[in-house]
C-alpha cells in the first residue's frame, strides 16, 4: 500500500461506505476507468456501526499494479509469462549445450520456491477476529443483456 500511496495510485475514502451495493459500485467504476485502488476506512454494517477493519479494493486493477504485486515493472511481465508457459510444457534438452542454456531458467525457478523467514512486514498487522460476524461480504447487482437475432 505504501508504494501505491507514494505513486498516487491509492485513494483513502474516509466517508462511511456500505458493502451492500455501494462499495461494489464504486469499485466497479474504478476498475472500468483503470482508476486507483481505494481503501475504505469506514465500512458500515446494517446496524449502523463500522467494521474495525478497512477494505482495500481494486488493488490489482491495472497491469502496472499486477506487476508491482510481483515486485516487477509492467515490461517484465512478458518474461514471467514465457517462463511459466515453458514450465507448463517443458521440453527436455537435446544435448549438453541445451542443458547448459537452461541453467539461468533453473536459477529463476529455484528463486520462486517458497521460503521461511524469521519475520515479515505483514506480521505486525495480523487481525484477530473474535467471531465470524466481524467479516462482511460485498454485494452487487448483475446487469444482463440479451441479444436476439
C-alpha atoms as a PDB file:
ATOM      1  CA  UNK A   1       0.000   0.000   0.000  1.00  0.00           C
ATOM      2  CA  UNK A   2       2.858   2.383   0.692  1.00  0.00           C
ATOM      3  CA  UNK A   3       4.100   2.016  -2.898  1.00  0.00           C
ATOM      4  CA  UNK A   4       0.621   2.739  -4.246  1.00  0.00           C
ATOM      5  CA  UNK A   5       0.226   5.755  -1.998  1.00  0.00           C
ATOM      6  CA  UNK A   6       3.655   7.155  -2.925  1.00  0.00           C
ATOM      7  CA  UNK A   7       2.819   6.778  -6.632  1.00  0.00           C
ATOM      8  CA  UNK A   8      -0.588   8.421  -6.223  1.00  0.00           C
ATOM      9  CA  UNK A   9      -2.388   5.150  -7.060  1.00  0.00           C
ATOM     10  CA  UNK A  10      -4.268   4.825  -3.755  1.00  0.00           C
ATOM     11  CA  UNK A  11      -7.231   6.857  -2.583  1.00  0.00           C
ATOM     12  CA  UNK A  12      -8.334   6.780   1.043  1.00  0.00           C
ATOM     13  CA  UNK A  13     -12.097   7.034   1.445  1.00  0.00           C
ATOM     14  CA  UNK A  14     -12.828   8.372   4.910  1.00  0.00           C
ATOM     15  CA  UNK A  15     -16.610   8.673   4.441  1.00  0.00           C
ATOM     16  CA  UNK A  16     -18.776   5.769   5.683  1.00  0.00           C
ATOM     17  CA  UNK A  17     -19.500   3.283   2.886  1.00  0.00           C
ATOM     18  CA  UNK A  18     -21.820   0.284   2.869  1.00  0.00           C
ATOM     19  CA  UNK A  19     -20.578  -3.060   1.492  1.00  0.00           C
ATOM     20  CA  UNK A  20     -24.140  -3.667   0.278  1.00  0.00           C
ATOM     21  CA  UNK A  21     -24.040  -2.433  -3.337  1.00  0.00           C
ATOM     22  CA  UNK A  22     -22.352   0.921  -2.625  1.00  0.00           C
ATOM     23  CA  UNK A  23     -18.744  -0.229  -2.229  1.00  0.00           C
ATOM     24  CA  UNK A  24     -19.093  -2.636  -5.146  1.00  0.00           C
ATOM     25  CA  UNK A  25     -20.429   0.104  -7.435  1.00  0.00           C
ATOM     26  CA  UNK A  26     -17.517   2.395  -6.573  1.00  0.00           C
ATOM     27  CA  UNK A  27     -15.029  -0.416  -7.157  1.00  0.00           C
ATOM     28  CA  UNK A  28     -16.633  -1.355 -10.493  1.00  0.00           C
ATOM     29  CA  UNK A  29     -16.369   2.215 -11.749  1.00  0.00           C
ATOM     30  CA  UNK A  30     -12.750   2.498 -10.618  1.00  0.00           C
ATOM     31  CA  UNK A  31     -11.887  -0.743 -12.394  1.00  0.00           C
ATOM     32  CA  UNK A  32     -13.628   0.313 -15.618  1.00  0.00           C
ATOM     33  CA  UNK A  33     -11.653   3.572 -15.683  1.00  0.00           C
ATOM     34  CA  UNK A  34      -8.316   1.979 -14.662  1.00  0.00           C
ATOM     35  CA  UNK A  35      -8.618   4.164 -11.594  1.00  0.00           C
ATOM     36  CA  UNK A  36      -6.700   3.964  -8.351  1.00  0.00           C
ATOM     37  CA  UNK A  37      -7.004   1.378  -5.617  1.00  0.00           C
ATOM     38  CA  UNK A  38      -9.336   2.533  -2.857  1.00  0.00           C
ATOM     39  CA  UNK A  39      -9.038   1.992   0.870  1.00  0.00           C
ATOM     40  CA  UNK A  40     -12.447   2.321   2.531  1.00  0.00           C
ATOM     41  CA  UNK A  41     -11.637   3.274   6.102  1.00  0.00           C
ATOM     42  CA  UNK A  42     -15.210   3.182   7.460  1.00  0.00           C
ATOM     43  CA  UNK A  43     -17.092   0.158   6.177  1.00  0.00           C
ATOM     44  CA  UNK A  44     -20.519   0.234   7.776  1.00  0.00           C
ATOM     45  CA  UNK A  45     -22.775  -2.681   8.622  1.00  0.00           C
ATOM     46  CA  UNK A  46     -26.562  -2.770   8.584  1.00  0.00           C
ATOM     47  CA  UNK A  47     -26.866  -1.866  12.274  1.00  0.00           C
ATOM     48  CA  UNK A  48     -25.175   1.471  11.577  1.00  0.00           C
ATOM     49  CA  UNK A  49     -21.790   0.831  13.160  1.00  0.00           C
ATOM     50  CA  UNK A  50     -18.490   0.404  11.370  1.00  0.00           C
ATOM     51  CA  UNK A  51     -16.341  -2.695  10.992  1.00  0.00           C
ATOM     52  CA  UNK A  52     -12.996  -2.480  12.758  1.00  0.00           C
ATOM     53  CA  UNK A  53     -11.045  -3.365   9.618  1.00  0.00           C
ATOM     54  CA  UNK A  54     -10.879  -1.227   6.460  1.00  0.00           C
ATOM     55  CA  UNK A  55     -11.453  -2.692   2.979  1.00  0.00           C
ATOM     56  CA  UNK A  56      -8.990  -2.355   0.097  1.00  0.00           C
ATOM     57  CA  UNK A  57     -10.440  -2.710  -3.418  1.00  0.00           C
ATOM     58  CA  UNK A  58      -9.062  -2.523  -6.960  1.00  0.00           C
ATOM     59  CA  UNK A  59      -5.595  -3.464  -5.711  1.00  0.00           C
ATOM     60  CA  UNK A  60      -4.715  -5.328  -8.928  1.00  0.00           C
ATOM     61  CA  UNK A  61      -6.938  -3.249 -11.225  1.00  0.00           C
ATOM     62  CA  UNK A  62      -4.202  -2.348 -13.730  1.00  0.00           C
ATOM     63  CA  UNK A  63      -1.303  -4.155 -15.363  1.00  0.00           C
ATOM     64  CA  UNK A  64       1.062  -1.821 -13.550  1.00  0.00           C
ATOM     65  CA  UNK A  65      -0.301  -2.797 -10.139  1.00  0.00           C
ATOM     66  CA  UNK A  66      -0.267  -6.518 -11.015  1.00  0.00           C
ATOM     67  CA  UNK A  67       3.422  -6.160 -11.883  1.00  0.00           C
ATOM     68  CA  UNK A  68       4.084  -4.223  -8.673  1.00  0.00           C
ATOM     69  CA  UNK A  69       2.392  -7.019  -6.718  1.00  0.00           C
ATOM     70  CA  UNK A  70       5.084  -9.349  -8.049  1.00  0.00           C
ATOM     71  CA  UNK A  71       7.828  -6.786  -7.338  1.00  0.00           C
ATOM     72  CA  UNK A  72       8.290  -6.198 -11.069  1.00  0.00           C
ATOM     73  CA  UNK A  73       7.627  -3.478 -13.619  1.00  0.00           C
ATOM     74  CA  UNK A  74       4.994  -3.954 -16.368  1.00  0.00           C
ATOM     75  CA  UNK A  75       7.570  -4.545 -19.129  1.00  0.00           C
ATOM     76  CA  UNK A  76       8.874  -7.575 -17.158  1.00  0.00           C
ATOM     77  CA  UNK A  77       5.540  -9.437 -17.156  1.00  0.00           C
ATOM     78  CA  UNK A  78       6.070 -10.974 -20.612  1.00  0.00           C
ATOM     79  CA  UNK A  79       9.258 -12.658 -19.403  1.00  0.00           C
ATOM     80  CA  UNK A  80       7.408 -14.113 -16.414  1.00  0.00           C
ATOM     81  CA  UNK A  81       4.642 -15.357 -18.724  1.00  0.00           C
ATOM     82  CA  UNK A  82       7.148 -17.011 -21.047  1.00  0.00           C
ATOM     83  CA  UNK A  83       8.863 -18.717 -18.120  1.00  0.00           C
ATOM     84  CA  UNK A  84       5.552 -20.015 -16.774  1.00  0.00           C
ATOM     85  CA  UNK A  85       4.492 -21.217 -20.239  1.00  0.00           C
ATOM     86  CA  UNK A  86       7.762 -23.142 -20.601  1.00  0.00           C
ATOM     87  CA  UNK A  87       7.359 -24.678 -17.152  1.00  0.00           C
ATOM     88  CA  UNK A  88       3.833 -25.778 -18.024  1.00  0.00           C
ATOM     89  CA  UNK A  89       5.042 -27.792 -21.020  1.00  0.00           C
ATOM     90  CA  UNK A  90       8.812 -28.211 -20.697  1.00  0.00           C
ATOM     91  CA  UNK A  91      10.844 -29.848 -23.410  1.00  0.00           C
ATOM     92  CA  UNK A  92      13.887 -31.920 -22.418  1.00  0.00           C
ATOM     93  CA  UNK A  93      17.197 -30.570 -23.665  1.00  0.00           C
ATOM     94  CA  UNK A  94      18.563 -32.158 -26.826  1.00  0.00           C
ATOM     95  CA  UNK A  95      22.129 -32.248 -25.545  1.00  0.00           C
ATOM     96  CA  UNK A  96      24.620 -30.851 -23.076  1.00  0.00           C
ATOM     97  CA  UNK A  97      24.715 -27.452 -24.743  1.00  0.00           C
ATOM     98  CA  UNK A  98      20.938 -27.016 -24.473  1.00  0.00           C
ATOM     99  CA  UNK A  99      21.065 -28.249 -20.865  1.00  0.00           C
ATOM    100  CA  UNK A 100      23.667 -25.590 -20.031  1.00  0.00           C
ATOM    101  CA  UNK A 101      21.492 -22.929 -21.704  1.00  0.00           C
ATOM    102  CA  UNK A 102      18.690 -23.866 -19.293  1.00  0.00           C
ATOM    103  CA  UNK A 103      20.784 -23.121 -16.183  1.00  0.00           C
ATOM    104  CA  UNK A 104      19.563 -19.490 -15.898  1.00  0.00           C
ATOM    105  CA  UNK A 105      15.994 -20.818 -16.002  1.00  0.00           C
ATOM    106  CA  UNK A 106      16.824 -23.269 -13.211  1.00  0.00           C
ATOM    107  CA  UNK A 107      18.155 -20.369 -11.137  1.00  0.00           C
ATOM    108  CA  UNK A 108      14.931 -18.422 -11.758  1.00  0.00           C
ATOM    109  CA  UNK A 109      12.766 -21.399 -10.810  1.00  0.00           C
ATOM    110  CA  UNK A 110      14.726 -22.019  -7.624  1.00  0.00           C
ATOM    111  CA  UNK A 111      14.218 -18.360  -6.645  1.00  0.00           C
ATOM    112  CA  UNK A 112      10.437 -18.876  -6.997  1.00  0.00           C
ATOM    113  CA  UNK A 113      10.186 -21.581  -4.358  1.00  0.00           C
ATOM    114  CA  UNK A 114       8.627 -20.613  -1.033  1.00  0.00           C
ATOM    115  CA  UNK A 115      10.997 -19.905   1.801  1.00  0.00           C
ATOM    116  CA  UNK A 116      10.653 -19.495   5.529  1.00  0.00           C
ATOM    117  CA  UNK A 117      11.670 -16.161   7.006  1.00  0.00           C
ATOM    118  CA  UNK A 118      12.106 -15.048  10.584  1.00  0.00           C
ATOM    119  CA  UNK A 119       9.822 -12.036  10.251  1.00  0.00           C
ATOM    120  CA  UNK A 120       7.724 -10.395   7.570  1.00  0.00           C
ATOM    121  CA  UNK A 121       6.227  -6.963   7.073  1.00  0.00           C
ATOM    122  CA  UNK A 122       2.697  -8.337   7.403  1.00  0.00           C
ATOM    123  CA  UNK A 123       3.181  -9.909  10.825  1.00  0.00           C
ATOM    124  CA  UNK A 124       2.655  -6.546  12.502  1.00  0.00           C
ATOM    125  CA  UNK A 125      -0.831  -6.111  11.049  1.00  0.00           C
ATOM    126  CA  UNK A 126      -2.428  -9.513  11.561  1.00  0.00           C
ATOM    127  CA  UNK A 127      -6.052  -9.132  12.648  1.00  0.00           C
ATOM    128  CA  UNK A 128      -7.540 -11.478  15.215  1.00  0.00           C
ATOM    129  CA  UNK A 129     -11.305 -11.855  14.999  1.00  0.00           C
ATOM    130  CA  UNK A 130     -13.375 -12.959  17.978  1.00  0.00           C
ATOM    131  CA  UNK A 131     -16.157 -14.296  15.766  1.00  0.00           C
ATOM    132  CA  UNK A 132     -17.119 -14.739  12.140  1.00  0.00           C
ATOM    133  CA  UNK A 133     -19.656 -11.913  12.479  1.00  0.00           C
ATOM    134  CA  UNK A 134     -16.832  -9.396  12.129  1.00  0.00           C
ATOM    135  CA  UNK A 135     -16.406 -10.186   8.442  1.00  0.00           C
ATOM    136  CA  UNK A 136     -18.505  -8.859   5.586  1.00  0.00           C
ATOM    137  CA  UNK A 137     -19.338  -9.764   2.021  1.00  0.00           C
ATOM    138  CA  UNK A 138     -19.617  -7.343  -0.865  1.00  0.00           C
ATOM    139  CA  UNK A 139     -22.911  -7.410  -2.700  1.00  0.00           C
ATOM    140  CA  UNK A 140     -23.517  -6.365  -6.262  1.00  0.00           C
ATOM    141  CA  UNK A 141     -26.174  -6.345  -8.922  1.00  0.00           C
ATOM    142  CA  UNK A 142     -25.753  -8.046 -12.274  1.00  0.00           C
ATOM    143  CA  UNK A 143     -26.684  -6.329 -15.499  1.00  0.00           C
ATOM    144  CA  UNK A 144     -27.774  -8.871 -18.078  1.00  0.00           C
ATOM    145  CA  UNK A 145     -28.014  -8.025 -21.733  1.00  0.00           C
ATOM    146  CA  UNK A 146     -29.872 -10.314 -24.090  1.00  0.00           C
ATOM    147  CA  UNK A 147     -29.316 -10.163 -27.814  1.00  0.00           C
ATOM    148  CA  UNK A 148     -31.913 -11.517 -30.177  1.00  0.00           C
ATOM    149  CA  UNK A 149     -31.316 -12.060 -33.855  1.00  0.00           C
END
